[in-house]
Amino acid sequence: MDDNNNELRKEDLVFGLDIGTSKINLFAGAMNPDNTVRILCCGALPLKRPDEMDDVVETLQDVTRQLEPFIDFDVRDVYVGIAGSHVSSVNYKGLITLPTGEVREVDIERVKNLASTIPESAGQILHVFPGEYALDDQTGIRNPKGLNGRRLSVDVQVVTSRPNAIQNLDKSVTRAGLHVEELVLEPLAAASAVLTDDERELGVALIDVGAGSADIAVFVGESVRYTASLDMAGNSITSDISKSLSVPISLSKAEDIKKRYGTCRLNNLIEDETFPVPSVGDRGDVPCSRKLLAQVITARCAEIFKLLQKDLVKHNMDVLLNGGIVLTGGCCALDGIDAVAEKVFGKSVRIGHPREVGGVQSYSNPSYATGIGLLLYAAKQRRRDKRRETGKQISVSMKKSLQWFKDVLKTYF
């Protein structure tokens, strides 16, 4: 734990909550004087029945109780990750005529708001990501402020979720005694922890392969160009293992086998290499082929990546990925999964480990990417809010100074 906890102020604390299909991670962080964030600690517990709200609430309460003694404060406002098939993204376009012939800040906000006006059937908005602007015939503009022209347009990526999914998530968090500060798209959060500036500049796809879903987001520069989710991930692999071995086994045993013996590197296995599998009852262990296990795992991983690749091609996103693919999430513990992805996508692939964030304990496992990313996202929001507040204070100060000067002129002249 952090030795400086006794110096913590409640207003400096930030919390990132990752409610996955198989586990809950709750990270606590503290804002430093330079507006960076450091990790204090993490509460983590397995989630046995993710489809039952009572179990989610109870586990979240246990995780909170696990965390609070180390920070000496109650956990309250949390940034919560959200992902899954109920999340979708659509491109919209906004176009306005410039009243003054010059692009002002108010014009930029107006065209973004116009592009973000979506039908109610599209769901509840989570994020709006502006892409590049166009001014008359000039395209590919990142910041049009101050330029002259007649018509300004922008393409935005609007990420939405089904309202009932948001309501249920918010209800679970509220019943656990917490408050949702903001819902954050999980790949967006994970990107804060694992992507480099060079990858973003070149264009990169982040794929978060967890237990319940494989979520993808395409980043170009500071903008998010595309997001999608596939309800096929680690649990699908576990289910395949449960059905494919020479003896019937439970999902929990299949999950343990996946973690202990699973690999995607078929060429590294000896032909007759086996591992023991407990049979039903007291009949003893049964030897099962590790090569068969690897074939089952590799086939499902390849299927997941092929479906994501097909989706990228369909939306013309594959041509933007000069920075390659970054994999993160719990499934990245599978040895050789990056090689499978590289073969499917035909691009360079690496495993995204969360970069070191100030703190005494290292959380470099890809399964922590979303939780750590939520802290970094929260810190970014805090910095943005502080800049806005500072801007308002400067504006008020200038107005007061101007009024004082006017009063002086009236008094003496």
Protein backbone atom coordinates (compact mmCIF):
# COMPACT_ATOMS: atom_id res chain seq x y z
CA MET A 1 0.00 0.00 0.00
CA ASP A 2 1.02 3.63 -0.48
CA ASP A 3 3.00 5.13 2.40
CA ASN A 4 1.48 8.55 1.69
CA ASN A 5 -2.10 7.47 2.39
CA ASN A 6 -2.16 9.48 5.62
CA GLU A 7 -1.63 12.60 3.51
CA LEU A 8 -4.55 11.89 1.18
CA ARG A 9 -7.39 14.32 0.78
CA LYS A 10 -10.82 13.02 -0.11
CA GLU A 11 -11.13 15.45 -3.02
CA ASP A 12 -7.97 14.02 -4.59
CA LEU A 13 -9.33 10.46 -4.78
CA VAL A 14 -10.61 8.90 -8.01
CA PHE A 15 -12.16 5.45 -8.44
CA GLY A 16 -12.43 3.19 -11.48
CA LEU A 17 -14.96 0.36 -11.45
CA ASP A 18 -14.72 -2.52 -13.93
CA ILE A 19 -17.69 -4.89 -13.62
CA GLY A 20 -16.79 -7.78 -15.88
CA THR A 21 -18.55 -11.04 -16.63
CA SER A 22 -16.27 -13.06 -14.37
CA LYS A 23 -14.90 -10.51 -11.88
CA ILE A 24 -15.17 -7.03 -10.39
CA ASN A 25 -12.14 -4.75 -10.10
CA LEU A 26 -12.34 -1.51 -8.15
CA PHE A 27 -9.25 0.70 -8.41
CA ALA A 28 -8.48 3.63 -6.13
CA GLY A 29 -6.19 6.39 -7.32
CA ALA A 30 -5.01 9.78 -6.09
CA MET A 31 -4.40 12.95 -8.02
CA ASN A 32 -0.86 14.28 -7.67
CA PRO A 33 -0.05 18.02 -7.47
CA ASP A 34 1.03 17.91 -11.14
CA ASN A 35 -2.43 16.52 -12.07
CA THR A 36 -1.14 13.02 -12.82
CA VAL A 37 -2.62 10.05 -11.00
CA ARG A 38 -1.07 7.28 -8.95
CA ILE A 39 -2.59 3.90 -8.09
CA LEU A 40 -3.25 3.36 -4.40
CA CYS A 41 -4.80 -0.11 -4.36
CA CYS A 42 -7.29 -2.42 -6.04
CA GLY A 43 -10.15 -4.48 -4.69
CA ALA A 44 -10.93 -7.56 -6.78
CA LEU A 45 -13.35 -10.46 -6.38
CA PRO A 46 -14.76 -13.11 -8.75
CA LEU A 47 -18.33 -12.64 -9.92
CA LYS A 48 -20.21 -15.93 -9.78
CA ARG A 49 -23.61 -14.92 -11.20
CA PRO A 50 -23.19 -11.81 -13.38
CA ASP A 51 -26.77 -12.04 -14.69
CA GLU A 52 -28.24 -11.70 -11.19
CA MET A 53 -28.33 -8.14 -9.88
CA ASP A 54 -28.32 -9.23 -6.23
CA ASP A 55 -25.05 -11.09 -6.73
CA VAL A 56 -23.49 -8.12 -8.55
CA VAL A 57 -24.56 -5.75 -5.76
CA GLU A 58 -23.34 -8.08 -3.00
CA THR A 59 -19.97 -8.65 -4.70
CA LEU A 60 -19.54 -4.93 -5.32
CA GLN A 61 -20.24 -4.21 -1.66
CA ASP A 62 -17.64 -6.80 -0.66
CA VAL A 63 -15.08 -5.28 -3.05
CA THR A 64 -15.76 -1.83 -1.61
CA ARG A 65 -15.32 -3.09 1.95
CA GLN A 66 -12.10 -4.75 0.83
CA LEU A 67 -10.75 -1.46 -0.53
CA GLU A 68 -11.83 1.16 2.00
CA PRO A 69 -9.52 0.21 4.93
CA PHE A 70 -6.47 0.97 2.77
CA ILE A 71 -7.52 4.51 1.87
CA ASP A 72 -9.25 5.54 5.14
CA PHE A 73 -12.13 7.07 3.17
CA ASP A 74 -15.51 5.85 1.98
CA VAL A 75 -15.80 5.06 -1.72
CA ARG A 76 -18.54 7.12 -3.32
CA ASP A 77 -18.19 8.57 -6.84
CA VAL A 78 -16.92 6.01 -9.36
CA TYR A 79 -16.10 6.02 -13.06
CA VAL A 80 -17.73 2.86 -14.41
CA GLY A 81 -16.74 0.91 -17.53
CA ILE A 82 -19.44 -0.18 -19.94
CA ALA A 83 -19.26 -2.56 -22.91
CA GLY A 84 -21.19 -5.37 -24.59
CA SER A 85 -23.57 -5.95 -27.46
CA HIS A 86 -25.99 -3.33 -26.07
CA VAL A 87 -23.38 -0.70 -26.97
CA SER A 88 -23.23 0.47 -30.58
CA SER A 89 -21.69 3.31 -32.56
CA VAL A 90 -22.89 5.20 -35.63
CA ASN A 91 -21.34 7.92 -37.79
CA TYR A 92 -23.32 11.12 -38.16
CA LYS A 93 -22.56 14.30 -40.12
CA GLY A 94 -23.21 17.91 -39.22
CA LEU A 95 -23.17 20.84 -41.66
CA ILE A 96 -23.67 24.55 -40.95
CA THR A 97 -23.28 27.87 -42.78
CA LEU A 98 -20.86 30.23 -41.06
CA PRO A 99 -22.60 33.53 -40.22
CA THR A 100 -19.38 35.56 -39.96
CA GLY A 101 -17.25 33.81 -42.57
CA GLU A 102 -14.77 32.78 -39.84
CA VAL A 103 -14.88 29.63 -37.74
CA ARG A 104 -15.46 30.50 -34.09
CA GLU A 105 -15.60 28.23 -31.03
CA VAL A 106 -19.38 28.64 -30.98
CA ASP A 107 -19.56 27.43 -34.60
CA ILE A 108 -17.52 24.32 -33.77
CA GLU A 109 -19.82 23.49 -30.85
CA ARG A 110 -22.91 24.12 -33.00
CA VAL A 111 -21.83 21.79 -35.82
CA LYS A 112 -20.86 19.07 -33.30
CA ASN A 113 -24.22 19.38 -31.55
CA LEU A 114 -26.02 19.19 -34.89
CA ALA A 115 -24.14 16.02 -35.82
CA SER A 116 -24.96 14.55 -32.40
CA THR A 117 -28.70 14.99 -32.79
CA ILE A 118 -29.82 11.38 -33.18
CA PRO A 119 -33.22 9.64 -33.12
CA GLU A 120 -34.41 8.27 -29.77
CA SER A 121 -34.40 4.77 -31.24
CA ALA A 122 -30.60 4.95 -31.47
CA GLY A 123 -30.34 4.67 -27.68
CA GLN A 124 -28.82 6.78 -24.93
CA ILE A 125 -25.63 8.66 -25.81
CA LEU A 126 -22.46 7.64 -23.95
CA HIS A 127 -19.80 9.48 -25.97
CA VAL A 128 -19.53 11.80 -28.97
CA PHE A 129 -16.18 11.66 -30.76
CA PRO A 130 -15.62 14.39 -33.39
CA GLY A 131 -13.57 13.30 -36.37
CA GLU A 132 -12.01 15.60 -38.95
CA TYR A 133 -13.66 18.80 -40.13
CA ALA A 134 -14.25 20.06 -43.66
CA LEU A 135 -14.38 23.73 -44.57
CA ASP A 136 -15.90 24.29 -48.03
CA ASP A 137 -13.70 22.09 -50.29
CA GLN A 138 -10.88 21.67 -47.76
CA THR A 139 -11.02 18.36 -45.88
CA GLY A 140 -8.98 16.63 -43.17
CA ILE A 141 -8.94 19.61 -40.80
CA ARG A 142 -8.37 18.73 -37.15
CA ASN A 143 -9.03 22.19 -35.67
CA PRO A 144 -10.78 24.71 -37.95
CA LYS A 145 -10.93 27.54 -35.40
CA GLY A 146 -9.94 30.89 -36.94
CA LEU A 147 -10.09 29.69 -40.55
CA ASN A 148 -12.23 31.51 -43.12
CA GLY A 149 -14.96 29.83 -45.15
CA ARG A 150 -18.67 29.54 -45.81
CA ARG A 151 -19.68 26.02 -44.79
CA LEU A 152 -18.31 23.91 -41.93
CA SER A 153 -19.00 20.20 -41.57
CA VAL A 154 -17.84 17.45 -39.25
CA ASP A 155 -18.24 13.69 -38.98
CA VAL A 156 -18.80 12.40 -35.47
CA GLN A 157 -18.83 8.94 -33.95
CA VAL A 158 -21.75 8.65 -31.55
CA VAL A 159 -21.57 5.77 -29.07
CA THR A 160 -24.90 4.75 -27.56
CA SER A 161 -26.31 2.04 -25.32
CA ARG A 162 -29.73 0.61 -24.79
CA PRO A 163 -31.34 2.65 -21.98
CA ASN A 164 -32.34 -0.43 -19.98
CA ALA A 165 -28.70 -1.64 -19.90
CA ILE A 166 -27.58 1.73 -18.53
CA GLN A 167 -30.42 1.76 -16.01
CA ASN A 168 -29.56 -1.72 -14.75
CA LEU A 169 -25.87 -0.89 -14.41
CA ASP A 170 -26.64 2.36 -12.61
CA LYS A 171 -29.13 0.56 -10.35
CA SER A 172 -26.54 -2.08 -9.37
CA VAL A 173 -23.95 0.56 -8.49
CA THR A 174 -26.49 2.68 -6.58
CA ARG A 175 -27.80 -0.28 -4.59
CA ALA A 176 -24.21 -1.02 -3.56
CA GLY A 177 -24.05 2.45 -1.99
CA LEU A 178 -22.01 4.12 -4.75
CA HIS A 179 -22.67 6.85 -7.31
CA VAL A 180 -21.88 6.70 -11.03
CA GLU A 181 -19.75 9.74 -11.80
CA GLU A 182 -19.58 8.79 -15.49
CA LEU A 183 -20.07 5.74 -17.69
CA VAL A 184 -17.02 5.18 -19.88
CA LEU A 185 -16.72 2.92 -22.91
CA GLU A 186 -14.32 0.18 -21.77
CA PRO A 187 -12.07 0.14 -24.86
CA LEU A 188 -11.75 3.94 -24.51
CA ALA A 189 -10.63 3.51 -20.91
CA ALA A 190 -8.26 0.64 -21.72
CA ALA A 191 -6.74 2.71 -24.54
CA SER A 192 -5.65 5.32 -21.98
CA ALA A 193 -3.61 2.61 -20.24
CA VAL A 194 -2.07 0.67 -23.14
CA LEU A 195 -1.85 2.69 -26.38
CA THR A 196 1.14 4.81 -27.36
CA ASP A 197 0.96 8.23 -29.03
CA ASP A 198 2.66 6.80 -32.14
CA GLU A 199 0.06 4.06 -32.49
CA ARG A 200 -2.77 6.56 -32.21
CA GLU A 201 -1.13 8.84 -34.77
CA LEU A 202 -0.74 6.02 -37.28
CA GLY A 203 -4.18 4.49 -36.65
CA VAL A 204 -4.66 1.51 -34.34
CA ALA A 205 -7.34 -0.96 -33.29
CA LEU A 206 -7.62 -1.88 -29.62
CA ILE A 207 -9.31 -5.24 -28.99
CA ASP A 208 -10.31 -5.98 -25.40
CA VAL A 209 -10.96 -9.72 -25.08
CA GLY A 210 -12.59 -10.41 -21.74
CA ALA A 211 -14.75 -13.24 -20.45
CA GLY A 212 -18.10 -12.22 -21.93
CA SER A 213 -17.29 -10.05 -24.93
CA ALA A 214 -14.59 -8.95 -27.35
CA ASP A 215 -14.77 -5.17 -27.75
CA ILE A 216 -12.97 -3.23 -30.45
CA ALA A 217 -12.26 0.46 -30.97
CA VAL A 218 -10.35 2.14 -33.80
CA PHE A 219 -8.30 5.22 -32.89
CA VAL A 220 -6.84 7.73 -35.34
CA GLY A 221 -5.04 10.57 -33.62
CA GLU A 222 -7.25 11.83 -30.80
CA SER A 223 -10.47 10.64 -32.39
CA VAL A 224 -12.33 7.35 -32.09
CA ARG A 225 -13.42 6.31 -35.56
CA TYR A 226 -15.27 3.08 -34.82
CA THR A 227 -16.43 0.85 -31.97
CA ALA A 228 -18.13 -2.55 -31.90
CA SER A 229 -18.71 -5.48 -29.57
CA LEU A 230 -18.90 -9.23 -30.10
CA ASP A 231 -20.64 -11.52 -27.59
CA MET A 232 -17.97 -14.18 -28.01
CA ALA A 233 -14.82 -14.27 -25.90
CA GLY A 234 -13.22 -16.15 -23.01
CA ASN A 235 -16.41 -17.86 -21.86
CA SER A 236 -16.94 -19.24 -25.37
CA ILE A 237 -13.48 -20.81 -25.26
CA THR A 238 -14.21 -22.30 -21.84
CA SER A 239 -17.49 -23.75 -23.12
CA ASP A 240 -15.71 -25.34 -26.09
CA ILE A 241 -13.18 -26.97 -23.76
CA SER A 242 -15.97 -28.32 -21.57
CA LYS A 243 -17.59 -30.02 -24.57
CA SER A 244 -14.53 -31.17 -26.50
CA LEU A 245 -12.42 -33.20 -24.09
CA SER A 246 -12.67 -36.97 -23.79
CA VAL A 247 -14.48 -36.67 -20.45
CA PRO A 248 -17.37 -34.37 -19.51
CA ILE A 249 -16.28 -31.57 -17.18
CA SER A 250 -17.92 -28.54 -15.58
CA LEU A 251 -17.33 -25.02 -16.81
CA SER A 252 -15.34 -24.17 -13.67
CA LYS A 253 -12.97 -27.10 -14.30
CA ALA A 254 -12.73 -26.15 -17.98
CA GLU A 255 -11.77 -22.60 -16.97
CA ASP A 256 -9.05 -23.95 -14.69
CA ILE A 257 -7.72 -26.20 -17.48
CA LYS A 258 -7.67 -23.25 -19.89
CA LYS A 259 -5.56 -21.21 -17.46
CA ARG A 260 -3.19 -24.04 -16.51
CA TYR A 261 -2.65 -25.86 -19.79
CA GLY A 262 -4.11 -23.63 -22.50
CA THR A 263 -1.97 -22.34 -25.38
CA CYS A 264 -2.33 -21.24 -28.98
CA ARG A 265 1.18 -22.40 -29.96
CA LEU A 266 0.49 -25.78 -31.58
CA ASN A 267 4.01 -26.15 -32.97
CA ASN A 268 5.54 -26.09 -29.49
CA LEU A 269 3.63 -29.15 -28.29
CA ILE A 270 4.84 -32.74 -28.23
CA GLU A 271 2.49 -35.00 -30.22
CA ASP A 272 1.49 -37.25 -27.32
CA GLU A 273 1.68 -34.67 -24.50
CA THR A 274 -1.22 -35.05 -22.07
CA PHE A 275 -2.59 -33.47 -18.90
CA PRO A 276 -4.80 -35.03 -16.19
CA VAL A 277 -8.53 -34.34 -16.11
CA PRO A 278 -10.62 -35.47 -13.12
CA SER A 279 -13.35 -37.82 -14.29
CA VAL A 280 -16.90 -37.92 -12.93
CA GLY A 281 -17.22 -39.47 -9.50
CA ASP A 282 -14.23 -41.28 -7.98
CA ARG A 283 -12.95 -42.87 -11.15
CA GLY A 284 -9.61 -41.09 -11.06
CA ASP A 285 -7.90 -38.83 -13.57
CA VAL A 286 -8.16 -39.28 -17.33
CA PRO A 287 -5.25 -38.20 -19.57
CA CYS A 288 -6.31 -35.71 -22.25
CA SER A 289 -4.37 -34.48 -25.27
CA ARG A 290 -2.83 -31.04 -24.81
CA LYS A 291 -2.63 -30.70 -28.59
CA LEU A 292 -6.41 -31.21 -28.84
CA LEU A 293 -6.87 -28.57 -26.14
CA ALA A 294 -4.67 -26.14 -28.09
CA GLN A 295 -6.59 -26.83 -31.31
CA VAL A 296 -9.92 -26.12 -29.59
CA ILE A 297 -8.64 -22.86 -28.10
CA THR A 298 -6.92 -21.69 -31.28
CA ALA A 299 -9.98 -22.40 -33.43
CA ARG A 300 -12.25 -20.29 -31.26
CA CYS A 301 -9.71 -17.44 -30.98
CA ALA A 302 -9.34 -17.42 -34.76
CA GLU A 303 -13.12 -17.32 -35.17
CA ILE A 304 -13.39 -14.33 -32.82
CA PHE A 305 -10.70 -12.42 -34.71
CA LYS A 306 -12.15 -13.33 -38.13
CA LEU A 307 -15.54 -11.93 -37.14
CA LEU A 308 -13.93 -8.71 -35.92
CA GLN A 309 -11.80 -8.46 -39.07
CA LYS A 310 -14.88 -8.95 -41.25
CA ASP A 311 -16.58 -6.11 -39.39
CA LEU A 312 -13.58 -3.81 -39.83
CA VAL A 313 -13.48 -4.49 -43.57
CA LYS A 314 -17.24 -3.93 -43.85
CA HIS A 315 -16.87 -0.44 -42.37
CA ASN A 316 -13.62 0.36 -44.26
CA MET A 317 -11.68 0.58 -41.01
CA ASP A 318 -8.98 -1.96 -41.86
CA VAL A 319 -7.21 0.51 -44.17
CA LEU A 320 -6.67 2.95 -41.28
CA LEU A 321 -4.66 0.57 -39.09
CA ASN A 322 -1.09 1.51 -39.95
CA GLY A 323 -0.24 1.23 -36.25
CA GLY A 324 -1.48 -2.35 -36.12
CA ILE A 325 -3.56 -4.14 -33.49
CA VAL A 326 -3.24 -4.07 -29.70
CA LEU A 327 -4.83 -6.87 -27.67
CA THR A 328 -5.73 -6.50 -24.02
CA GLY A 329 -8.08 -8.04 -21.48
CA GLY A 330 -8.03 -11.24 -19.44
CA CYS A 331 -7.91 -13.58 -22.46
CA CYS A 332 -4.49 -12.22 -23.40
CA ALA A 333 -3.04 -14.55 -20.77
CA LEU A 334 -3.37 -17.29 -23.41
CA ASP A 335 0.11 -17.96 -24.76
CA GLY A 336 0.31 -17.26 -28.50
CA ILE A 337 -3.02 -15.47 -28.88
CA ASP A 338 -1.18 -12.52 -30.46
CA ALA A 339 0.24 -14.83 -33.16
CA VAL A 340 -3.28 -16.04 -34.01
CA ALA A 341 -4.48 -12.44 -34.31
CA GLU A 342 -1.50 -11.49 -36.46
CA LYS A 343 -2.29 -14.29 -38.90
CA VAL A 344 -5.97 -13.28 -39.15
CA PHE A 345 -5.54 -9.52 -39.43
CA GLY A 346 -2.35 -9.56 -41.48
CA LYS A 347 -0.98 -6.71 -39.37
CA SER A 348 1.45 -6.34 -36.49
CA VAL A 349 -0.09 -7.33 -33.17
CA ARG A 350 1.12 -6.82 -29.62
CA ILE A 351 -0.27 -7.51 -26.14
CA GLY A 352 -1.22 -4.29 -24.37
CA HIS A 353 0.04 -4.24 -20.80
CA PRO A 354 -1.06 -1.25 -18.69
CA ARG A 355 1.78 1.23 -18.54
CA GLU A 356 3.33 1.94 -15.16
CA VAL A 357 1.27 4.42 -13.17
CA GLY A 358 2.78 5.92 -10.01
CA GLY A 359 2.20 3.65 -7.02
CA VAL A 360 3.99 1.00 -5.02
CA GLN A 361 2.33 -2.03 -6.62
CA SER A 362 2.56 -2.97 -10.27
CA TYR A 363 -0.58 -3.93 -12.18
CA SER A 364 0.91 -4.88 -15.54
CA ASN A 365 -1.56 -7.71 -16.29
CA PRO A 366 -3.74 -6.92 -19.36
CA SER A 367 -6.82 -7.86 -17.33
CA TYR A 368 -6.29 -4.63 -15.35
CA ALA A 369 -6.22 -2.38 -18.43
CA THR A 370 -9.81 -1.16 -18.12
CA GLY A 371 -9.62 -0.47 -14.37
CA ILE A 372 -6.35 1.46 -14.62
CA GLY A 373 -7.58 3.19 -17.76
CA LEU A 374 -10.64 4.42 -15.86
CA LEU A 375 -8.33 6.13 -13.35
CA LEU A 376 -6.38 7.79 -16.17
CA TYR A 377 -9.63 8.85 -17.84
CA ALA A 378 -10.89 10.28 -14.54
CA ALA A 379 -7.64 12.20 -14.09
CA LYS A 380 -7.96 13.63 -17.60
CA GLN A 381 -11.50 14.80 -16.83
CA ARG A 382 -10.30 16.39 -13.59
CA ARG A 383 -7.56 18.28 -15.48
CA ARG A 384 -10.07 19.44 -18.07
CA ASP A 385 -12.50 20.64 -15.40
CA LYS A 386 -9.67 22.46 -13.61
CA ARG A 387 -8.66 24.25 -16.83
CA ARG A 388 -12.26 25.32 -17.41
CA GLU A 389 -12.54 26.56 -13.83
CA THR A 390 -9.26 28.45 -14.17
CA GLY A 391 -10.52 29.95 -17.44
CA LYS A 392 -13.72 31.11 -15.75
CA GLN A 393 -11.76 32.62 -12.86
CA ILE A 394 -9.49 34.52 -15.28
CA SER A 395 -12.54 35.76 -17.19
CA VAL A 396 -14.22 36.95 -13.99
CA SER A 397 -10.98 38.59 -12.82
CA MET A 398 -10.59 40.43 -16.14
CA LYS A 399 -14.19 41.65 -15.98
CA LYS A 400 -13.65 42.91 -12.42
CA SER A 401 -10.43 44.66 -13.46
CA LEU A 402 -12.17 46.29 -16.41
CA GLN A 403 -15.02 47.46 -14.20
CA TRP A 404 -12.52 48.87 -11.68
CA PHE A 405 -10.78 50.78 -14.48
CA LYS A 406 -14.12 52.19 -15.68
CA ASP A 407 -14.98 53.25 -12.13
CA VAL A 408 -11.61 55.01 -11.83
CA LEU A 409 -12.24 56.89 -15.09
CA LYS A 410 -15.68 57.97 -13.90
CA THR A 411 -14.29 59.14 -10.54
CA TYR A 412 -11.33 61.17 -11.81
CA PHE A 413 -12.38 62.23 -15.25
